Amino acid sequence: MSTKVKVRERVSLKESRTINNEIIVYNDDVNTFEHVIETLIRVCNHTPEQAEQCSIIVHYRGKCTVKTDILEKLKPQCSQLLDAGLSAEIV
């Protein structure tokens, strides 16, 4: 004898309304470690240790994510990085 059981499942999906984007800084042959570190501290509010680690990653890997946030907050920071001569973009 076959018994048919209906199972109802209610799934609650919470939609994330904030999509995080990233500022990526790329390596170049122009900027010094000192300049990159000072700029990351000033613009991205990095600690000196964070800024130094990011600059090392940029140097050896060619790029580094330096900030993650919503797009509206990242745009002015990325502009400041570009104004300071760093190669950066939001992805």
N, C-alpha and C. Protein backbone atom coordinates (compact mmCIF):
# COMPACT_ATOMS: atom_id res chain seq x y z
N MET A 1 0.83 -1.16 0.00
CA MET A 1 0.00 0.00 0.00
C MET A 1 0.88 1.24 0.00
N SER A 2 0.59 2.15 -0.84
CA SER A 2 1.38 3.36 -1.00
C SER A 2 0.66 4.53 -0.35
N THR A 3 1.37 5.23 0.48
CA THR A 3 0.81 6.40 1.14
C THR A 3 1.48 7.63 0.58
N LYS A 4 0.69 8.56 0.14
CA LYS A 4 1.23 9.81 -0.39
C LYS A 4 1.19 10.86 0.70
N VAL A 5 2.32 11.45 0.94
CA VAL A 5 2.41 12.49 1.96
C VAL A 5 2.80 13.78 1.28
N LYS A 6 2.02 14.80 1.52
CA LYS A 6 2.36 16.11 0.97
C LYS A 6 3.13 16.87 2.04
N VAL A 7 4.25 17.37 1.63
CA VAL A 7 5.06 18.15 2.55
C VAL A 7 5.08 19.58 2.06
N ARG A 8 4.70 20.45 2.94
CA ARG A 8 4.76 21.87 2.60
C ARG A 8 5.90 22.47 3.38
N GLU A 9 6.67 23.20 2.65
CA GLU A 9 7.82 23.83 3.28
C GLU A 9 7.77 25.32 3.01
N ARG A 10 7.90 26.08 4.04
CA ARG A 10 7.92 27.52 3.89
C ARG A 10 9.37 27.98 4.02
N VAL A 11 9.83 28.61 2.99
CA VAL A 11 11.20 29.09 2.98
C VAL A 11 11.18 30.61 3.03
N SER A 12 11.89 31.13 3.97
CA SER A 12 11.97 32.58 4.10
C SER A 12 13.34 33.04 3.60
N LEU A 13 13.32 33.83 2.57
CA LEU A 13 14.56 34.35 2.02
C LEU A 13 14.67 35.83 2.34
N LYS A 14 15.75 36.18 2.95
CA LYS A 14 16.00 37.59 3.23
C LYS A 14 16.92 38.10 2.14
N GLU A 15 16.46 39.08 1.44
CA GLU A 15 17.25 39.63 0.36
C GLU A 15 18.21 40.67 0.91
N SER A 16 19.44 40.51 0.57
CA SER A 16 20.44 41.48 1.00
C SER A 16 20.34 42.72 0.12
N ARG A 17 20.12 43.83 0.73
CA ARG A 17 19.96 45.07 -0.04
C ARG A 17 21.27 45.82 -0.22
N THR A 18 22.27 45.46 0.53
CA THR A 18 23.55 46.12 0.37
C THR A 18 24.52 45.16 -0.31
N ILE A 19 24.95 45.53 -1.46
CA ILE A 19 25.92 44.73 -2.19
C ILE A 19 27.28 45.37 -1.97
N ASN A 20 28.18 44.59 -1.44
CA ASN A 20 29.51 45.13 -1.17
C ASN A 20 30.36 45.13 -2.43
N ASN A 21 31.04 46.22 -2.62
CA ASN A 21 32.00 46.35 -3.71
C ASN A 21 33.37 46.51 -3.08
N GLU A 22 34.39 46.46 -3.91
CA GLU A 22 35.76 46.54 -3.41
C GLU A 22 36.54 47.59 -4.16
N ILE A 23 37.44 48.26 -3.43
CA ILE A 23 38.45 49.08 -4.08
C ILE A 23 39.69 48.23 -4.18
N ILE A 24 40.18 48.11 -5.39
CA ILE A 24 41.42 47.36 -5.63
C ILE A 24 42.49 48.36 -6.05
N VAL A 25 43.64 48.26 -5.41
CA VAL A 25 44.80 49.09 -5.76
C VAL A 25 45.77 48.19 -6.51
N TYR A 26 46.31 48.72 -7.61
CA TYR A 26 47.22 47.97 -8.47
C TYR A 26 48.65 48.48 -8.34
N ASN A 27 49.58 47.61 -8.58
CA ASN A 27 50.99 47.96 -8.54
C ASN A 27 51.35 48.87 -9.71
N ASP A 28 52.30 49.75 -9.47
CA ASP A 28 52.84 50.58 -10.54
C ASP A 28 54.32 50.82 -10.26
N ASP A 29 54.99 51.44 -11.19
CA ASP A 29 56.42 51.71 -11.04
C ASP A 29 56.69 53.13 -10.59
N VAL A 30 55.65 53.82 -10.13
CA VAL A 30 55.77 55.24 -9.82
C VAL A 30 55.77 55.51 -8.32
N ASN A 31 54.81 54.95 -7.60
CA ASN A 31 54.62 55.28 -6.20
C ASN A 31 55.53 54.48 -5.27
N THR A 32 55.99 55.15 -4.23
CA THR A 32 56.83 54.50 -3.23
C THR A 32 55.94 53.79 -2.21
N PHE A 33 56.55 52.86 -1.48
CA PHE A 33 55.83 52.20 -0.39
C PHE A 33 55.30 53.24 0.59
N GLU A 34 56.14 54.19 0.91
CA GLU A 34 55.79 55.23 1.87
C GLU A 34 54.54 55.99 1.44
N HIS A 35 54.51 56.38 0.17
CA HIS A 35 53.36 57.14 -0.35
C HIS A 35 52.08 56.30 -0.31
N VAL A 36 52.18 55.04 -0.72
CA VAL A 36 51.01 54.15 -0.72
C VAL A 36 50.50 53.97 0.71
N ILE A 37 51.40 53.71 1.63
CA ILE A 37 51.03 53.51 3.04
C ILE A 37 50.36 54.75 3.61
N GLU A 38 50.98 55.90 3.42
CA GLU A 38 50.40 57.15 3.94
C GLU A 38 49.03 57.43 3.33
N THR A 39 48.87 57.14 2.04
CA THR A 39 47.60 57.38 1.37
C THR A 39 46.51 56.44 1.88
N LEU A 40 46.84 55.17 2.07
CA LEU A 40 45.86 54.22 2.58
C LEU A 40 45.43 54.56 4.01
N ILE A 41 46.36 55.06 4.80
CA ILE A 41 46.02 55.48 6.17
C ILE A 41 45.07 56.68 6.11
N ARG A 42 45.40 57.63 5.28
CA ARG A 42 44.60 58.86 5.20
C ARG A 42 43.24 58.64 4.56
N VAL A 43 43.20 57.92 3.45
CA VAL A 43 41.96 57.79 2.67
C VAL A 43 41.07 56.65 3.16
N CYS A 44 41.67 55.52 3.46
CA CYS A 44 40.88 54.32 3.80
C CYS A 44 40.82 54.04 5.30
N ASN A 45 41.41 54.94 6.08
CA ASN A 45 41.43 54.77 7.54
C ASN A 45 42.09 53.47 7.98
N HIS A 46 43.11 53.05 7.25
CA HIS A 46 43.87 51.86 7.63
C HIS A 46 44.75 52.18 8.82
N THR A 47 45.05 51.16 9.60
CA THR A 47 46.09 51.30 10.60
C THR A 47 47.42 51.25 9.84
N PRO A 48 48.50 51.71 10.45
CA PRO A 48 49.79 51.61 9.76
C PRO A 48 50.13 50.17 9.35
N GLU A 49 49.77 49.21 10.20
CA GLU A 49 50.05 47.81 9.89
C GLU A 49 49.24 47.32 8.69
N GLN A 50 47.96 47.69 8.65
CA GLN A 50 47.11 47.31 7.51
C GLN A 50 47.64 47.90 6.21
N ALA A 51 47.98 49.17 6.27
CA ALA A 51 48.47 49.86 5.07
C ALA A 51 49.77 49.25 4.59
N GLU A 52 50.65 48.91 5.52
CA GLU A 52 51.93 48.30 5.14
C GLU A 52 51.70 46.92 4.51
N GLN A 53 50.81 46.13 5.10
CA GLN A 53 50.51 44.80 4.55
C GLN A 53 49.91 44.91 3.15
N CYS A 54 49.00 45.85 2.96
CA CYS A 54 48.40 46.04 1.64
C CYS A 54 49.44 46.45 0.61
N SER A 55 50.34 47.35 1.01
CA SER A 55 51.37 47.79 0.06
C SER A 55 52.30 46.64 -0.34
N ILE A 56 52.58 45.74 0.59
CA ILE A 56 53.42 44.58 0.29
C ILE A 56 52.68 43.63 -0.66
N ILE A 57 51.40 43.41 -0.40
CA ILE A 57 50.59 42.55 -1.27
C ILE A 57 50.51 43.15 -2.68
N VAL A 58 50.29 44.45 -2.76
CA VAL A 58 50.24 45.12 -4.06
C VAL A 58 51.56 44.92 -4.80
N HIS A 59 52.65 45.08 -4.09
CA HIS A 59 53.97 44.97 -4.72
C HIS A 59 54.23 43.56 -5.25
N TYR A 60 53.93 42.54 -4.45
CA TYR A 60 54.29 41.18 -4.83
C TYR A 60 53.22 40.45 -5.65
N ARG A 61 51.96 40.80 -5.46
CA ARG A 61 50.89 40.12 -6.19
C ARG A 61 50.30 40.96 -7.32
N GLY A 62 50.65 42.24 -7.34
CA GLY A 62 50.17 43.10 -8.42
C GLY A 62 48.90 43.86 -8.10
N LYS A 63 48.19 43.43 -7.07
CA LYS A 63 46.97 44.13 -6.67
C LYS A 63 46.55 43.68 -5.29
N CYS A 64 45.66 44.50 -4.68
CA CYS A 64 45.16 44.16 -3.36
C CYS A 64 43.83 44.88 -3.13
N THR A 65 42.87 44.18 -2.55
CA THR A 65 41.63 44.81 -2.13
C THR A 65 41.93 45.60 -0.86
N VAL A 66 41.70 46.91 -0.90
CA VAL A 66 42.04 47.75 0.24
C VAL A 66 40.82 48.22 1.03
N LYS A 67 39.63 48.10 0.44
CA LYS A 67 38.42 48.53 1.13
C LYS A 67 37.22 47.82 0.52
N THR A 68 36.28 47.41 1.37
CA THR A 68 35.04 46.78 0.93
C THR A 68 33.89 47.52 1.61
N ASP A 69 32.90 47.93 0.83
CA ASP A 69 31.76 48.67 1.38
C ASP A 69 30.73 48.85 0.28
N ILE A 70 29.70 49.61 0.58
CA ILE A 70 28.71 49.91 -0.46
C ILE A 70 29.31 50.94 -1.42
N LEU A 71 28.82 50.91 -2.63
CA LEU A 71 29.37 51.72 -3.71
C LEU A 71 29.41 53.21 -3.38
N GLU A 72 28.36 53.72 -2.77
CA GLU A 72 28.29 55.15 -2.46
C GLU A 72 29.41 55.61 -1.54
N LYS A 73 29.84 54.72 -0.64
CA LYS A 73 30.93 55.08 0.27
C LYS A 73 32.30 54.94 -0.39
N LEU A 74 32.40 54.00 -1.34
CA LEU A 74 33.69 53.75 -1.97
C LEU A 74 34.06 54.76 -3.04
N LYS A 75 33.07 55.32 -3.72
CA LYS A 75 33.35 56.25 -4.82
C LYS A 75 34.26 57.41 -4.42
N PRO A 76 33.95 58.14 -3.33
CA PRO A 76 34.83 59.25 -2.98
C PRO A 76 36.22 58.78 -2.53
N GLN A 77 36.29 57.62 -1.89
CA GLN A 77 37.59 57.11 -1.47
C GLN A 77 38.44 56.71 -2.67
N CYS A 78 37.83 56.06 -3.63
CA CYS A 78 38.57 55.67 -4.84
C CYS A 78 39.05 56.91 -5.58
N SER A 79 38.22 57.93 -5.64
CA SER A 79 38.62 59.19 -6.29
C SER A 79 39.83 59.81 -5.60
N GLN A 80 39.84 59.76 -4.28
CA GLN A 80 40.98 60.30 -3.53
C GLN A 80 42.25 59.49 -3.79
N LEU A 81 42.11 58.17 -3.89
CA LEU A 81 43.27 57.34 -4.20
C LEU A 81 43.82 57.67 -5.58
N LEU A 82 42.91 57.85 -6.54
CA LEU A 82 43.33 58.21 -7.90
C LEU A 82 43.97 59.59 -7.93
N ASP A 83 43.39 60.54 -7.18
CA ASP A 83 43.96 61.89 -7.10
C ASP A 83 45.36 61.88 -6.50
N ALA A 84 45.61 60.90 -5.64
CA ALA A 84 46.93 60.79 -5.00
C ALA A 84 47.93 60.06 -5.91
N GLY A 85 47.46 59.64 -7.10
CA GLY A 85 48.36 59.02 -8.06
C GLY A 85 48.40 57.51 -8.02
N LEU A 86 47.57 56.88 -7.18
CA LEU A 86 47.53 55.43 -7.13
C LEU A 86 46.66 54.89 -8.26
N SER A 87 46.93 53.68 -8.68
CA SER A 87 46.10 53.00 -9.67
C SER A 87 45.07 52.20 -8.90
N ALA A 88 43.79 52.58 -9.03
CA ALA A 88 42.74 51.93 -8.26
C ALA A 88 41.45 51.89 -9.06
N GLU A 89 40.61 50.92 -8.72
CA GLU A 89 39.28 50.84 -9.32
C GLU A 89 38.33 50.16 -8.36
N ILE A 90 37.04 50.38 -8.58
CA ILE A 90 36.00 49.73 -7.80
C ILE A 90 35.47 48.57 -8.62
N VAL A 91 35.39 47.41 -8.00
CA VAL A 91 34.82 46.22 -8.67
C VAL A 91 33.70 45.67 -7.83
